[in-house]
């Protein structure tokens, strides 16, 4: 049985960030989501990149707090780091939404949309095309049914294929982040 990851609430994290032995805060959302709003002083290490290079990070003993929108991707990142042998890893309970609800500061760029908002837009447009397009192309309503089924699976499994695909688009990618930089974040060295 896998141990339950230690969660830290927003108030406790705020206190810990202000302390001299502050944990390293890693935001595992896409670069576009990170640019839209992030905890001051946090580092963006997208989930896919973290998973890909998790074994290179196992030497770190630094305390790490993982952050995403609500906690789902942070839990996936915690599992990946746990498999690599990192034990001092925590998850911000409720994610960036809980941080914001607690009145904690955020660095913002309102010109960027978070991934959930992008998924709602794309799903809504595809459903609308399926329903209205059925007038010209019979059978197109099945597109709306497929989107509904996909959203149902996403809700039941806590994963979202559409979100994963949107995260790979160029406007959702940010500056390159390589394994050496991430290892430096988790060690005593600073990234180049």
Protein backbone atom coordinates (compact mmCIF):
# COMPACT_ATOMS: atom_id res chain seq x y z
CA UNK A 1 0.00 0.00 0.00
CA UNK A 2 1.34 3.42 -1.00
CA UNK A 3 1.59 5.98 1.83
CA UNK A 4 -0.75 8.95 1.61
CA UNK A 5 1.18 12.06 0.51
CA UNK A 6 1.46 14.77 3.12
CA UNK A 7 -0.70 17.71 2.11
CA UNK A 8 -0.04 21.24 3.23
CA UNK A 9 -2.78 23.87 3.38
CA UNK A 10 -2.40 27.36 1.92
CA UNK A 11 -2.05 29.11 5.29
CA UNK A 12 0.69 26.72 6.44
CA UNK A 13 2.52 27.09 3.14
CA UNK A 14 2.42 30.88 3.42
CA UNK A 15 3.99 30.61 6.87
CA UNK A 16 6.59 28.10 5.63
CA UNK A 17 7.55 30.27 2.63
CA UNK A 18 8.26 33.17 5.00
CA UNK A 19 10.55 30.99 7.16
CA UNK A 20 14.33 30.77 6.63
CA UNK A 21 14.09 27.05 5.75
CA UNK A 22 11.37 27.58 3.14
CA UNK A 23 10.49 24.60 0.95
CA UNK A 24 11.02 24.72 -2.81
CA UNK A 25 7.64 25.33 -4.48
CA UNK A 26 7.31 23.60 -7.86
CA UNK A 27 4.30 24.43 -10.02
CA UNK A 28 3.58 21.49 -12.33
CA UNK A 29 1.05 23.25 -14.56
CA UNK A 30 1.77 24.25 -18.14
CA UNK A 31 3.97 27.29 -18.74
CA UNK A 32 0.92 29.23 -19.99
CA UNK A 33 -1.03 28.46 -16.80
CA UNK A 34 2.01 29.37 -14.72
CA UNK A 35 2.33 32.68 -16.59
CA UNK A 36 -1.37 33.40 -16.01
CA UNK A 37 -1.06 33.13 -12.21
CA UNK A 38 1.54 31.65 -9.89
CA UNK A 39 2.80 31.79 -6.34
CA UNK A 40 5.61 34.35 -6.04
CA UNK A 41 8.95 32.55 -5.83
CA UNK A 42 7.65 29.29 -7.25
CA UNK A 43 9.30 27.49 -10.16
CA UNK A 44 7.51 26.09 -13.18
CA UNK A 45 8.34 22.44 -13.90
CA UNK A 46 5.56 21.08 -16.14
CA UNK A 47 4.25 17.65 -15.14
CA UNK A 48 5.37 15.93 -18.36
CA UNK A 49 8.91 17.25 -17.98
CA UNK A 50 9.00 16.28 -14.31
CA UNK A 51 7.84 12.74 -15.11
CA UNK A 52 10.40 12.41 -17.89
CA UNK A 53 13.33 13.44 -15.67
CA UNK A 54 12.21 12.18 -12.27
CA UNK A 55 15.10 9.72 -11.89
CA UNK A 56 17.64 12.52 -12.31
CA UNK A 57 16.08 14.28 -9.30
CA UNK A 58 16.36 11.46 -6.77
CA UNK A 59 19.53 12.78 -5.10
CA UNK A 60 17.70 15.79 -3.65
CA UNK A 61 16.83 15.92 0.04
CA UNK A 62 15.31 19.41 -0.13
CA UNK A 63 11.68 19.78 0.95
CA UNK A 64 9.42 20.29 -2.08
CA UNK A 65 5.81 21.45 -2.29
CA UNK A 66 4.03 20.63 -5.55
CA UNK A 67 1.34 22.97 -6.87
CA UNK A 68 -1.21 22.76 -9.67
CA UNK A 69 -4.70 24.18 -10.18
CA UNK A 70 -6.59 21.95 -7.72
CA UNK A 71 -4.16 19.23 -6.63
CA UNK A 72 -4.72 16.47 -9.21
CA UNK A 73 -1.59 17.02 -11.30
CA UNK A 74 0.44 17.71 -8.15
CA UNK A 75 -0.64 14.28 -6.84
CA UNK A 76 0.51 12.70 -10.12
CA UNK A 77 3.84 14.53 -9.79
CA UNK A 78 4.16 13.37 -6.16
CA UNK A 79 3.64 9.75 -7.23
CA UNK A 80 6.27 10.12 -9.97
CA UNK A 81 8.81 11.67 -7.57
CA UNK A 82 7.98 9.04 -4.94
CA UNK A 83 8.71 6.29 -7.47
CA UNK A 84 12.07 7.97 -8.08
CA UNK A 85 12.84 7.88 -4.35
CA UNK A 86 12.14 11.47 -3.27
CA UNK A 87 10.51 11.37 0.14
CA UNK A 88 10.32 15.00 1.27
CA UNK A 89 7.56 15.95 -1.19
CA UNK A 90 4.23 17.56 -0.29
CA UNK A 91 1.17 18.77 -2.17
CA UNK A 92 -0.57 22.12 -1.75
CA UNK A 93 -4.04 21.01 -0.69
CA UNK A 94 -6.59 22.52 -3.07
CA UNK A 95 -3.89 23.88 -5.37
CA UNK A 96 -3.61 27.41 -6.64
CA UNK A 97 -7.38 27.86 -6.20
CA UNK A 98 -7.08 27.28 -2.44
CA UNK A 99 -4.04 29.58 -2.33
CA UNK A 100 -6.03 32.34 -4.03
CA UNK A 101 -9.16 31.72 -1.92
CA UNK A 102 -7.04 32.20 1.18
CA UNK A 103 -6.08 35.68 0.00
CA UNK A 104 -2.45 34.74 -0.62
CA UNK A 105 -0.49 36.75 -3.20
CA UNK A 106 -0.28 35.69 -6.84
CA UNK A 107 1.79 36.97 -9.72
CA UNK A 108 -0.69 37.40 -12.60
CA UNK A 109 -0.80 37.90 -16.35
CA UNK A 110 -4.49 38.12 -17.26
CA UNK A 111 -3.73 37.81 -20.98
CA UNK A 112 -3.07 34.05 -20.50
CA UNK A 113 -5.82 31.45 -20.02
CA UNK A 114 -5.45 28.47 -17.72
CA UNK A 115 -5.83 25.01 -19.20
CA UNK A 116 -9.27 24.35 -17.71
CA UNK A 117 -10.65 27.46 -19.40
CA UNK A 118 -9.12 26.38 -22.71
CA UNK A 119 -10.73 22.92 -22.36
CA UNK A 120 -14.14 24.50 -21.69
CA UNK A 121 -13.79 26.70 -24.79
CA UNK A 122 -12.73 23.88 -27.12
CA UNK A 123 -15.34 21.44 -25.76
CA UNK A 124 -18.09 24.06 -26.05
CA UNK A 125 -17.15 24.97 -29.62
CA UNK A 126 -17.00 21.30 -30.67
CA UNK A 127 -20.41 20.56 -29.11
CA UNK A 128 -21.88 23.63 -30.80
CA UNK A 129 -20.39 22.57 -34.17
CA UNK A 130 -21.75 19.04 -33.68
CA UNK A 131 -25.29 20.17 -32.84
CA UNK A 132 -25.62 23.03 -35.34
CA UNK A 133 -23.57 21.28 -38.02
CA UNK A 134 -25.96 18.33 -37.94
CA UNK A 135 -28.36 20.50 -39.92
CA UNK A 136 -25.98 20.44 -42.90
CA UNK A 137 -24.21 17.16 -42.22
CA UNK A 138 -26.48 14.49 -40.70
CA UNK A 139 -24.72 12.44 -38.04
CA UNK A 140 -22.47 15.29 -36.88
CA UNK A 141 -24.34 15.34 -33.57
CA UNK A 142 -22.22 12.33 -32.64
CA UNK A 143 -19.31 14.76 -32.27
CA UNK A 144 -21.22 16.37 -29.41
CA UNK A 145 -21.85 12.92 -27.91
CA UNK A 146 -18.15 12.03 -28.16
CA UNK A 147 -17.15 15.26 -26.42
CA UNK A 148 -19.71 14.60 -23.67
CA UNK A 149 -18.36 11.07 -23.22
CA UNK A 150 -14.79 12.39 -23.07
CA UNK A 151 -15.70 14.97 -20.43
CA UNK A 152 -17.47 12.26 -18.40
CA UNK A 153 -14.39 10.03 -18.51
CA UNK A 154 -12.21 13.02 -17.57
CA UNK A 155 -14.38 13.72 -14.52
CA UNK A 156 -14.45 10.08 -13.41
CA UNK A 157 -10.71 9.45 -13.86
CA UNK A 158 -9.29 12.84 -12.92
CA UNK A 159 -7.45 12.99 -16.23
CA UNK A 160 -8.30 14.95 -19.35
CA UNK A 161 -7.10 13.89 -22.78
CA UNK A 162 -8.20 17.21 -24.30
CA UNK A 163 -6.26 19.09 -21.62
CA UNK A 164 -3.19 16.93 -22.27
CA UNK A 165 -3.41 17.68 -25.98
CA UNK A 166 -3.94 21.40 -25.44
CA UNK A 167 -0.94 21.49 -23.08
CA UNK A 168 1.26 20.41 -26.00
CA UNK A 169 0.26 23.34 -28.23
CA UNK A 170 2.96 25.99 -28.79
CA UNK A 171 1.16 28.79 -26.91
CA UNK A 172 0.94 26.57 -23.82
CA UNK A 173 4.65 25.89 -23.84
CA UNK A 174 7.10 28.27 -22.27
CA UNK A 175 10.83 28.57 -22.11
CA UNK A 176 12.67 25.28 -22.23
CA UNK A 177 13.21 23.66 -18.84
CA UNK A 178 15.75 20.85 -18.82
CA UNK A 179 16.60 18.18 -16.28
CA UNK A 180 19.80 19.95 -15.17
CA UNK A 181 17.84 23.09 -14.27
CA UNK A 182 15.28 21.07 -12.31
CA UNK A 183 18.02 19.15 -10.49
CA UNK A 184 19.63 22.50 -9.64
CA UNK A 185 16.31 23.76 -8.25
CA UNK A 186 16.10 20.77 -5.94
CA UNK A 187 19.73 20.94 -4.89
CA UNK A 188 21.93 23.54 -3.37
CA UNK A 189 22.87 24.98 -6.77
CA UNK A 190 20.92 27.62 -8.64
CA UNK A 191 19.92 27.03 -12.29
CA UNK A 192 22.12 28.55 -14.97
